[in-house]
Amino acid sequence: MMAGQPSKAMPGIQTETKAANSEVVATSEAYESKAGAEKGIAAVKKDALIATTKDLAKLMGLKL
């Protein structure tokens, strides 16, 4: 996953997190400054290392 790809979807500075196949999986809030966006990117990179995940499809009995 790559964090911090620039996005021009909304006013301000946003970032997109993309999967290995380049699909956008998350878009950040709009930051007022580049420094704020860079701080957000750093937080995502740090927190992603310790994040837990849940397979909601499995919990719902879906087979994907």
PDB file of N, CA and C in Angstrom:
ATOM      1  N   MET A   1       0.849  -1.167   0.000  1.00  0.00           N
ATOM      2  CA  MET A   1       0.000   0.000   0.000  1.00  0.00           C
ATOM      3  C   MET A   1       0.896   1.231   0.000  1.00  0.00           C
ATOM      4  N   MET A   2       0.552   2.201  -0.810  1.00  0.00           N
ATOM      5  CA  MET A   2       1.323   3.426  -0.865  1.00  0.00           C
ATOM      6  C   MET A   2       0.506   4.549  -0.244  1.00  0.00           C
ATOM      7  N   ALA A   3       1.058   5.210   0.730  1.00  0.00           N
ATOM      8  CA  ALA A   3       0.354   6.335   1.348  1.00  0.00           C
ATOM      9  C   ALA A   3       0.889   7.626   0.756  1.00  0.00           C
ATOM     10  N   GLY A   4       0.000   8.579   0.611  1.00  0.00           N
ATOM     11  CA  GLY A   4       0.460   9.901   0.260  1.00  0.00           C
ATOM     12  C   GLY A   4       0.496  10.252  -1.196  1.00  0.00           C
ATOM     13  N   GLN A   5      -0.317   9.657  -2.015  1.00  0.00           N
ATOM     14  CA  GLN A   5      -0.397  10.061  -3.404  1.00  0.00           C
ATOM     15  C   GLN A   5      -1.264  11.315  -3.476  1.00  0.00           C
ATOM     16  N   PRO A   6      -0.794  12.405  -4.134  1.00  0.00           N
ATOM     17  CA  PRO A   6      -1.579  13.630  -4.177  1.00  0.00           C
ATOM     18  C   PRO A   6      -2.919  13.444  -4.877  1.00  0.00           C
ATOM     19  N   SER A   7      -3.924  14.161  -4.424  1.00  0.00           N
ATOM     20  CA  SER A   7      -5.262  14.127  -5.010  1.00  0.00           C
ATOM     21  C   SER A   7      -5.720  15.550  -5.269  1.00  0.00           C
ATOM     22  N   LYS A   8      -6.445  15.781  -6.360  1.00  0.00           N
ATOM     23  CA  LYS A   8      -6.962  17.117  -6.660  1.00  0.00           C
ATOM     24  C   LYS A   8      -8.489  17.124  -6.626  1.00  0.00           C
ATOM     25  N   ALA A   9      -9.092  16.197  -5.911  1.00  0.00           N
ATOM     26  CA  ALA A   9     -10.544  16.049  -5.900  1.00  0.00           C
ATOM     27  C   ALA A   9     -11.258  17.182  -5.168  1.00  0.00           C
ATOM     28  N   MET A  10     -10.661  17.751  -4.142  1.00  0.00           N
ATOM     29  CA  MET A  10     -11.310  18.791  -3.335  1.00  0.00           C
ATOM     30  C   MET A  10     -10.328  19.937  -3.111  1.00  0.00           C
ATOM     31  N   PRO A  11     -10.844  21.127  -2.774  1.00  0.00           N
ATOM     32  CA  PRO A  11      -9.938  22.237  -2.441  1.00  0.00           C
ATOM     33  C   PRO A  11      -9.042  21.860  -1.262  1.00  0.00           C
ATOM     34  N   GLY A  12      -7.856  22.396  -1.227  1.00  0.00           N
ATOM     35  CA  GLY A  12      -6.893  22.047  -0.188  1.00  0.00           C
ATOM     36  C   GLY A  12      -6.020  20.914  -0.683  1.00  0.00           C
ATOM     37  N   ILE A  13      -5.239  20.385   0.205  1.00  0.00           N
ATOM     38  CA  ILE A  13      -4.326  19.289  -0.143  1.00  0.00           C
ATOM     39  C   ILE A  13      -4.883  18.002   0.424  1.00  0.00           C
ATOM     40  N   GLN A  14      -5.085  17.015  -0.438  1.00  0.00           N
ATOM     41  CA  GLN A  14      -5.547  15.699  -0.006  1.00  0.00           C
ATOM     42  C   GLN A  14      -4.545  14.653  -0.436  1.00  0.00           C
ATOM     43  N   THR A  15      -4.604  13.509   0.207  1.00  0.00           N
ATOM     44  CA  THR A  15      -3.786  12.376  -0.201  1.00  0.00           C
ATOM     45  C   THR A  15      -4.688  11.171  -0.425  1.00  0.00           C
ATOM     46  N   GLU A  16      -4.201  10.273  -1.249  1.00  0.00           N
ATOM     47  CA  GLU A  16      -4.901   9.009  -1.497  1.00  0.00           C
ATOM     48  C   GLU A  16      -3.996   7.872  -1.071  1.00  0.00           C
ATOM     49  N   THR A  17      -4.580   6.862  -0.463  1.00  0.00           N
ATOM     50  CA  THR A  17      -3.849   5.636  -0.152  1.00  0.00           C
ATOM     51  C   THR A  17      -4.271   4.620  -1.192  1.00  0.00           C
ATOM     52  N   LYS A  18      -3.281   4.041  -1.861  1.00  0.00           N
ATOM     53  CA  LYS A  18      -3.562   3.103  -2.944  1.00  0.00           C
ATOM     54  C   LYS A  18      -3.058   1.710  -2.604  1.00  0.00           C
ATOM     55  N   ALA A  19      -3.802   0.719  -3.086  1.00  0.00           N
ATOM     56  CA  ALA A  19      -3.398  -0.675  -2.944  1.00  0.00           C
ATOM     57  C   ALA A  19      -2.300  -0.978  -3.959  1.00  0.00           C
ATOM     58  N   ALA A  20      -1.712  -2.148  -3.859  1.00  0.00           N
ATOM     59  CA  ALA A  20      -0.645  -2.549  -4.772  1.00  0.00           C
ATOM     60  C   ALA A  20      -1.091  -2.528  -6.231  1.00  0.00           C
ATOM     61  N   ASN A  21      -2.399  -2.706  -6.473  1.00  0.00           N
ATOM     62  CA  ASN A  21      -2.913  -2.688  -7.850  1.00  0.00           C
ATOM     63  C   ASN A  21      -3.297  -1.275  -8.299  1.00  0.00           C
ATOM     64  N   SER A  22      -2.915  -0.263  -7.540  1.00  0.00           N
ATOM     65  CA  SER A  22      -3.160   1.160  -7.802  1.00  0.00           C
ATOM     66  C   SER A  22      -4.595   1.613  -7.555  1.00  0.00           C
ATOM     67  N   GLU A  23      -5.428   0.747  -7.009  1.00  0.00           N
ATOM     68  CA  GLU A  23      -6.797   1.139  -6.670  1.00  0.00           C
ATOM     69  C   GLU A  23      -6.773   2.012  -5.416  1.00  0.00           C
ATOM     70  N   VAL A  24      -7.513   3.131  -5.462  1.00  0.00           N
ATOM     71  CA  VAL A  24      -7.598   4.019  -4.309  1.00  0.00           C
ATOM     72  C   VAL A  24      -8.458   3.344  -3.245  1.00  0.00           C
ATOM     73  N   VAL A  25      -7.909   3.190  -2.049  1.00  0.00           N
ATOM     74  CA  VAL A  25      -8.648   2.548  -0.963  1.00  0.00           C
ATOM     75  C   VAL A  25      -9.035   3.535   0.134  1.00  0.00           C
ATOM     76  N   ALA A  26      -8.451   4.741   0.110  1.00  0.00           N
ATOM     77  CA  ALA A  26      -8.808   5.766   1.094  1.00  0.00           C
ATOM     78  C   ALA A  26      -8.387   7.124   0.570  1.00  0.00           C
ATOM     79  N   THR A  27      -9.157   8.142   0.923  1.00  0.00           N
ATOM     80  CA  THR A  27      -8.826   9.530   0.602  1.00  0.00           C
ATOM     81  C   THR A  27      -8.862  10.322   1.908  1.00  0.00           C
ATOM     82  N   SER A  28      -7.857  11.160   2.103  1.00  0.00           N
ATOM     83  CA  SER A  28      -7.750  11.913   3.350  1.00  0.00           C
ATOM     84  C   SER A  28      -8.688  13.107   3.373  1.00  0.00           C
ATOM     85  N   GLU A  29      -8.719  13.746   4.522  1.00  0.00           N
ATOM     86  CA  GLU A  29      -9.382  15.039   4.652  1.00  0.00           C
ATOM     87  C   GLU A  29      -8.592  16.056   3.828  1.00  0.00           C
ATOM     88  N   ALA A  30      -9.150  17.228   3.610  1.00  0.00           N
ATOM     89  CA  ALA A  30      -8.431  18.290   2.911  1.00  0.00           C
ATOM     90  C   ALA A  30      -7.591  19.065   3.920  1.00  0.00           C
ATOM     91  N   TYR A  31      -6.285  19.091   3.710  1.00  0.00           N
ATOM     92  CA  TYR A  31      -5.377  19.834   4.590  1.00  0.00           C
ATOM     93  C   TYR A  31      -5.160  21.231   4.030  1.00  0.00           C
ATOM     94  N   GLU A  32      -4.949  22.193   4.897  1.00  0.00           N
ATOM     95  CA  GLU A  32      -4.723  23.574   4.473  1.00  0.00           C
ATOM     96  C   GLU A  32      -3.285  23.825   4.039  1.00  0.00           C
ATOM     97  N   SER A  33      -2.360  22.974   4.479  1.00  0.00           N
ATOM     98  CA  SER A  33      -0.950  23.192   4.146  1.00  0.00           C
ATOM     99  C   SER A  33      -0.278  21.876   3.770  1.00  0.00           C
ATOM    100  N   LYS A  34       0.831  22.007   3.050  1.00  0.00           N
ATOM    101  CA  LYS A  34       1.625  20.833   2.691  1.00  0.00           C
ATOM    102  C   LYS A  34       2.174  20.164   3.948  1.00  0.00           C
ATOM    103  N   ALA A  35       2.574  20.961   4.926  1.00  0.00           N
ATOM    104  CA  ALA A  35       3.101  20.411   6.184  1.00  0.00           C
ATOM    105  C   ALA A  35       2.038  19.578   6.894  1.00  0.00           C
ATOM    106  N   GLY A  36       0.790  20.043   6.884  1.00  0.00           N
ATOM    107  CA  GLY A  36      -0.294  19.285   7.496  1.00  0.00           C
ATOM    108  C   GLY A  36      -0.532  17.968   6.778  1.00  0.00           C
ATOM    109  N   ALA A  37      -0.497  18.004   5.439  1.00  0.00           N
ATOM    110  CA  ALA A  37      -0.674  16.783   4.652  1.00  0.00           C
ATOM    111  C   ALA A  37       0.456  15.798   4.927  1.00  0.00           C
ATOM    112  N   GLU A  38       1.689  16.304   4.996  1.00  0.00           N
ATOM    113  CA  GLU A  38       2.836  15.429   5.263  1.00  0.00           C
ATOM    114  C   GLU A  38       2.737  14.808   6.652  1.00  0.00           C
ATOM    115  N   LYS A  39       2.228  15.559   7.620  1.00  0.00           N
ATOM    116  CA  LYS A  39       2.029  15.021   8.972  1.00  0.00           C
ATOM    117  C   LYS A  39       0.976  13.903   8.940  1.00  0.00           C
ATOM    118  N   GLY A  40      -0.085  14.102   8.169  1.00  0.00           N
ATOM    119  CA  GLY A  40      -1.118  13.077   8.021  1.00  0.00           C
ATOM    120  C   GLY A  40      -0.578  11.815   7.368  1.00  0.00           C
ATOM    121  N   ILE A  41       0.250  11.992   6.334  1.00  0.00           N
ATOM    122  CA  ILE A  41       0.870  10.845   5.654  1.00  0.00           C
ATOM    123  C   ILE A  41       1.732  10.057   6.636  1.00  0.00           C
ATOM    124  N   ALA A  42       2.535  10.764   7.422  1.00  0.00           N
ATOM    125  CA  ALA A  42       3.405  10.103   8.406  1.00  0.00           C
ATOM    126  C   ALA A  42       2.574   9.321   9.421  1.00  0.00           C
ATOM    127  N   ALA A  43       1.454   9.884   9.836  1.00  0.00           N
ATOM    128  CA  ALA A  43       0.594   9.200  10.813  1.00  0.00           C
ATOM    129  C   ALA A  43       0.014   7.919  10.222  1.00  0.00           C
ATOM    130  N   VAL A  44      -0.419   7.976   8.966  1.00  0.00           N
ATOM    131  CA  VAL A  44      -0.972   6.778   8.324  1.00  0.00           C
ATOM    132  C   VAL A  44       0.098   5.705   8.200  1.00  0.00           C
ATOM    133  N   LYS A  45       1.285   6.077   7.771  1.00  0.00           N
ATOM    134  CA  LYS A  45       2.369   5.102   7.629  1.00  0.00           C
ATOM    135  C   LYS A  45       2.698   4.443   8.965  1.00  0.00           C
ATOM    136  N   LYS A  46       2.742   5.248  10.029  1.00  0.00           N
ATOM    137  CA  LYS A  46       3.054   4.722  11.362  1.00  0.00           C
ATOM    138  C   LYS A  46       1.939   3.809  11.871  1.00  0.00           C
ATOM    139  N   ASP A  47       0.708   4.292  11.784  1.00  0.00           N
ATOM    140  CA  ASP A  47      -0.423   3.540  12.331  1.00  0.00           C
ATOM    141  C   ASP A  47      -0.741   2.286  11.530  1.00  0.00           C
ATOM    142  N   ALA A  48      -0.459   2.286  10.242  1.00  0.00           N
ATOM    143  CA  ALA A  48      -0.735   1.109   9.413  1.00  0.00           C
ATOM    144  C   ALA A  48       0.091  -0.096   9.872  1.00  0.00           C
ATOM    145  N   LEU A  49       1.248   0.171  10.427  1.00  0.00           N
ATOM    146  CA  LEU A  49       2.112  -0.924  10.879  1.00  0.00           C
ATOM    147  C   LEU A  49       1.530  -1.684  12.063  1.00  0.00           C
ATOM    148  N   ILE A  50       0.673  -1.021  12.857  1.00  0.00           N
ATOM    149  CA  ILE A  50       0.137  -1.659  14.058  1.00  0.00           C
ATOM    150  C   ILE A  50      -1.378  -1.856  14.004  1.00  0.00           C
ATOM    151  N   ALA A  51      -1.985  -1.516  12.879  1.00  0.00           N
ATOM    152  CA  ALA A  51      -3.450  -1.598  12.760  1.00  0.00           C
ATOM    153  C   ALA A  51      -3.921  -3.054  12.725  1.00  0.00           C
ATOM    154  N   THR A  52      -5.101  -3.276  13.261  1.00  0.00           N
ATOM    155  CA  THR A  52      -5.730  -4.589  13.154  1.00  0.00           C
ATOM    156  C   THR A  52      -6.809  -4.515  12.080  1.00  0.00           C
ATOM    157  N   THR A  53      -7.133  -5.646  11.508  1.00  0.00           N
ATOM    158  CA  THR A  53      -8.152  -5.695  10.463  1.00  0.00           C
ATOM    159  C   THR A  53      -9.211  -6.734  10.814  1.00  0.00           C
ATOM    160  N   LYS A  54     -10.394  -6.546  10.241  1.00  0.00           N
ATOM    161  CA  LYS A  54     -11.473  -7.513  10.394  1.00  0.00           C
ATOM    162  C   LYS A  54     -11.997  -7.858   9.008  1.00  0.00           C
ATOM    163  N   ASP A  55     -12.215  -9.112   8.753  1.00  0.00           N
ATOM    164  CA  ASP A  55     -12.812  -9.543   7.500  1.00  0.00           C
ATOM    165  C   ASP A  55     -14.328  -9.510   7.683  1.00  0.00           C
ATOM    166  N   LEU A  56     -14.936  -8.379   7.359  1.00  0.00           N
ATOM    167  CA  LEU A  56     -16.376  -8.227   7.564  1.00  0.00           C
ATOM    168  C   LEU A  56     -17.177  -9.149   6.667  1.00  0.00           C
ATOM    169  N   ALA A  57     -16.680  -9.445   5.479  1.00  0.00           N
ATOM    170  CA  ALA A  57     -17.374 -10.368   4.594  1.00  0.00           C
ATOM    171  C   ALA A  57     -17.483 -11.751   5.249  1.00  0.00           C
ATOM    172  N   LYS A  58     -16.398 -12.174   5.864  1.00  0.00           N
ATOM    173  CA  LYS A  58     -16.413 -13.473   6.548  1.00  0.00           C
ATOM    174  C   LYS A  58     -17.380 -13.457   7.729  1.00  0.00           C
ATOM    175  N   LEU A  59     -17.358 -12.360   8.484  1.00  0.00           N
ATOM    176  CA  LEU A  59     -18.274 -12.252   9.629  1.00  0.00           C
ATOM    177  C   LEU A  59     -19.736 -12.287   9.188  1.00  0.00           C
ATOM    178  N   MET A  60     -20.012 -11.771   7.983  1.00  0.00           N
ATOM    179  CA  MET A  60     -21.378 -11.736   7.457  1.00  0.00           C
ATOM    180  C   MET A  60     -21.733 -13.008   6.684  1.00  0.00           C
ATOM    181  N   GLY A  61     -20.778 -13.925   6.591  1.00  0.00           N
ATOM    182  CA  GLY A  61     -21.015 -15.171   5.892  1.00  0.00           C
ATOM    183  C   GLY A  61     -20.934 -15.062   4.379  1.00  0.00           C
ATOM    184  N   LEU A  62     -20.304 -14.002   3.875  1.00  0.00           N
ATOM    185  CA  LEU A  62     -20.168 -13.815   2.430  1.00  0.00           C
ATOM    186  C   LEU A  62     -18.929 -14.535   1.928  1.00  0.00           C
ATOM    187  N   LYS A  63     -18.992 -15.038   0.745  1.00  0.00           N
ATOM    188  CA  LYS A  63     -17.830 -15.671   0.114  1.00  0.00           C
ATOM    189  C   LYS A  63     -17.430 -14.833  -1.078  1.00  0.00           C
ATOM    190  N   LEU A  64     -16.246 -14.228  -0.982  1.00  0.00           N
ATOM    191  CA  LEU A  64     -15.759 -13.365  -2.062  1.00  0.00           C
ATOM    192  C   LEU A  64     -14.674 -14.038  -2.847  1.00  0.00           C
TER     193      LEU A  64
END
